[in-house]
Amino acid sequence: MSSYMAKTDADKKPVNFTQDWYVIDATDQVVGRLATAVATILRGKHKPQFTPHQDTGDYVIVTNVDKIKFTGRKLEQKTYQSYSHFPGGQKIVAASDLMEKHPERILTSAVKRMVPRTRLGRQQMTKLKIYKGPQHPHQAQRPKEFKMK
């Protein structure tokens, strides 16, 4: 069985491929399904040139993230926690509170858990751009509309 491995240049960057920009409208999208599609594009798994140890993914712009939806009663029941590693430094925030103040953090944390937990995954997460409203400052990159199924 043969498989494709992307060729690299001297800087260990893939050669002969382009990174596209995609815009996704998050209006009335379910958080988990949207995060799965975004993570797939960021990693490059939608391309035939996908190579697991290289960044062959595309840039993703997500707009209207304040209009995403949860299924069931997750909006009231789900919690997000962080810990500063100091005594008393644990913070637990309900999804409904986070949705009011920082809705982009909900999608960011969902996608972050779907990419590798390595330097490669952190580099792929820099290609994710999330905005509350319908406007974004990336018109110069001529992003393509990505239709969710």
Protein backbone atom coordinates (compact mmCIF):
# COMPACT_ATOMS: atom_id res chain seq x y z
CA MET A 1 0.00 0.00 0.00
CA SER A 2 1.45 3.34 -1.00
CA SER A 3 0.55 6.68 0.48
CA TYR A 4 1.21 10.28 -0.41
CA MET A 5 3.78 12.28 1.55
CA ALA A 6 4.04 15.99 0.80
CA LYS A 7 7.45 17.12 -0.42
CA THR A 8 9.20 19.77 1.67
CA ASP A 9 11.74 22.49 1.02
CA ALA A 10 14.79 23.37 3.13
CA ASP A 11 12.60 25.07 5.76
CA LYS A 12 10.49 21.92 6.18
CA LYS A 13 7.48 23.65 4.58
CA PRO A 14 5.35 21.76 2.06
CA VAL A 15 6.08 22.54 -1.58
CA ASN A 16 3.65 22.86 -4.51
CA PHE A 17 0.44 23.50 -2.65
CA THR A 18 -1.62 26.56 -1.84
CA GLN A 19 -3.36 27.55 1.33
CA ASP A 20 -6.86 28.84 0.62
CA TRP A 21 -9.08 31.00 2.80
CA TYR A 22 -12.62 29.88 3.65
CA VAL A 23 -15.48 31.79 5.26
CA ILE A 24 -18.05 29.90 7.31
CA ASP A 25 -21.26 31.51 8.54
CA ALA A 26 -22.01 30.06 11.97
CA THR A 27 -25.64 31.21 12.10
CA ASP A 28 -27.83 28.38 13.50
CA GLN A 29 -24.97 25.85 13.35
CA VAL A 30 -24.47 23.28 16.11
CA VAL A 31 -21.19 23.86 17.96
CA GLY A 32 -19.76 20.35 17.69
CA ARG A 33 -20.59 19.81 14.04
CA LEU A 34 -19.20 23.22 13.13
CA ALA A 35 -16.03 22.57 15.13
CA THR A 36 -15.52 19.24 13.36
CA ALA A 37 -15.74 20.87 9.93
CA VAL A 38 -13.40 23.69 10.96
CA ALA A 39 -10.83 21.29 12.44
CA THR A 40 -10.89 19.20 9.27
CA ILE A 41 -10.13 22.24 7.12
CA LEU A 42 -7.43 23.53 9.50
CA ARG A 43 -5.63 20.19 9.46
CA GLY A 44 -5.96 19.79 5.68
CA LYS A 45 -7.79 16.47 5.79
CA HIS A 46 -10.15 17.64 3.06
CA LYS A 47 -7.27 17.71 0.56
CA PRO A 48 -5.67 14.77 -1.23
CA GLN A 49 -2.24 16.16 -0.22
CA PHE A 50 -2.94 15.63 3.50
CA THR A 51 0.17 14.65 5.39
CA PRO A 52 -0.24 14.13 9.16
CA HIS A 53 3.11 15.59 10.23
CA GLN A 54 2.94 18.75 8.10
CA ASP A 55 0.68 21.78 8.02
CA THR A 56 -1.19 21.35 4.74
CA GLY A 57 -4.43 22.94 5.95
CA ASP A 58 -6.23 26.11 4.98
CA TYR A 59 -7.24 29.30 6.77
CA VAL A 60 -10.76 29.48 8.21
CA ILE A 61 -12.78 32.61 9.01
CA VAL A 62 -15.90 32.00 11.11
CA THR A 63 -18.45 34.81 11.28
CA ASN A 64 -21.65 35.27 13.32
CA VAL A 65 -20.30 33.05 16.07
CA ASP A 66 -22.69 34.70 18.54
CA LYS A 67 -25.55 32.86 16.77
CA ILE A 68 -24.29 29.29 17.21
CA LYS A 69 -26.51 26.75 18.92
CA PHE A 70 -26.18 23.92 21.41
CA THR A 71 -28.31 20.79 21.25
CA GLY A 72 -30.42 19.64 24.16
CA ARG A 73 -29.93 21.46 27.46
CA LYS A 74 -26.19 22.01 27.05
CA LEU A 75 -26.56 25.78 27.14
CA GLU A 76 -27.69 25.57 30.79
CA GLN A 77 -25.75 22.47 31.88
CA LYS A 78 -22.36 22.63 30.15
CA THR A 79 -19.49 24.30 32.00
CA TYR A 80 -16.03 25.44 30.98
CA GLN A 81 -13.27 25.39 33.55
CA SER A 82 -9.79 26.84 33.74
CA TYR A 83 -7.10 26.49 36.35
CA SER A 84 -4.22 28.88 36.99
CA HIS A 85 -2.22 26.31 39.02
CA PHE A 86 -2.41 28.54 42.08
CA PRO A 87 -4.43 27.72 45.19
CA GLY A 88 -8.01 28.81 44.61
CA GLY A 89 -7.29 29.45 40.94
CA GLN A 90 -10.00 27.24 39.47
CA LYS A 91 -12.71 29.07 37.54
CA ILE A 92 -15.88 27.41 36.32
CA VAL A 93 -18.08 29.29 33.86
CA ALA A 94 -21.45 28.15 32.52
CA ALA A 95 -21.90 27.98 28.75
CA SER A 96 -24.75 30.49 28.89
CA ASP A 97 -22.52 33.07 30.64
CA LEU A 98 -19.67 32.46 28.22
CA MET A 99 -22.07 32.79 25.29
CA GLU A 100 -23.12 36.26 26.46
CA LYS A 101 -19.63 37.62 27.11
CA HIS A 102 -17.21 35.75 24.82
CA PRO A 103 -19.01 33.46 22.31
CA GLU A 104 -15.83 33.04 20.25
CA ARG A 105 -14.18 31.14 23.13
CA ILE A 106 -16.78 28.38 22.88
CA LEU A 107 -15.87 27.54 19.30
CA THR A 108 -12.16 28.07 19.91
CA SER A 109 -12.10 25.57 22.77
CA ALA A 110 -14.13 23.03 20.76
CA VAL A 111 -11.79 23.23 17.76
CA LYS A 112 -8.66 23.28 19.94
CA ARG A 113 -9.58 19.88 21.35
CA MET A 114 -9.91 18.46 17.81
CA VAL A 115 -6.44 19.35 16.53
CA PRO A 116 -3.22 17.65 17.68
CA ARG A 117 -1.88 18.74 21.06
CA THR A 118 1.57 19.48 19.68
CA ARG A 119 3.49 22.34 18.08
CA LEU A 120 1.78 21.45 14.82
CA GLY A 121 -1.67 21.78 16.38
CA ARG A 122 -0.82 25.14 17.93
CA GLN A 123 0.44 26.37 14.57
CA GLN A 124 -2.75 25.17 12.87
CA MET A 125 -4.87 27.01 15.42
CA THR A 126 -3.27 30.31 14.40
CA LYS A 127 -5.04 29.93 11.04
CA LEU A 128 -8.47 30.12 12.71
CA LYS A 129 -10.08 33.57 12.73
CA ILE A 130 -13.34 33.97 14.68
CA TYR A 131 -15.62 37.03 14.70
CA LYS A 132 -18.88 37.77 16.53
CA GLY A 133 -20.59 39.67 13.74
CA PRO A 134 -20.83 39.25 9.97
CA GLN A 135 -17.86 41.55 9.23
CA HIS A 136 -14.21 40.46 9.04
CA PRO A 137 -11.01 42.26 7.95
CA HIS A 138 -9.79 39.53 5.57
CA GLN A 139 -11.37 40.66 2.29
CA ALA A 140 -7.93 41.10 0.70
CA GLN A 141 -7.35 37.33 0.88
CA ARG A 142 -10.47 36.72 -1.25
CA PRO A 143 -11.93 33.96 0.93
CA LYS A 144 -14.25 31.35 -0.54
CA GLU A 145 -17.65 30.56 0.91
CA PHE A 146 -17.70 27.15 2.61
CA LYS A 147 -21.13 25.55 2.68
CA MET A 148 -21.93 23.34 5.64
CA LYS A 149 -23.81 20.16 4.77
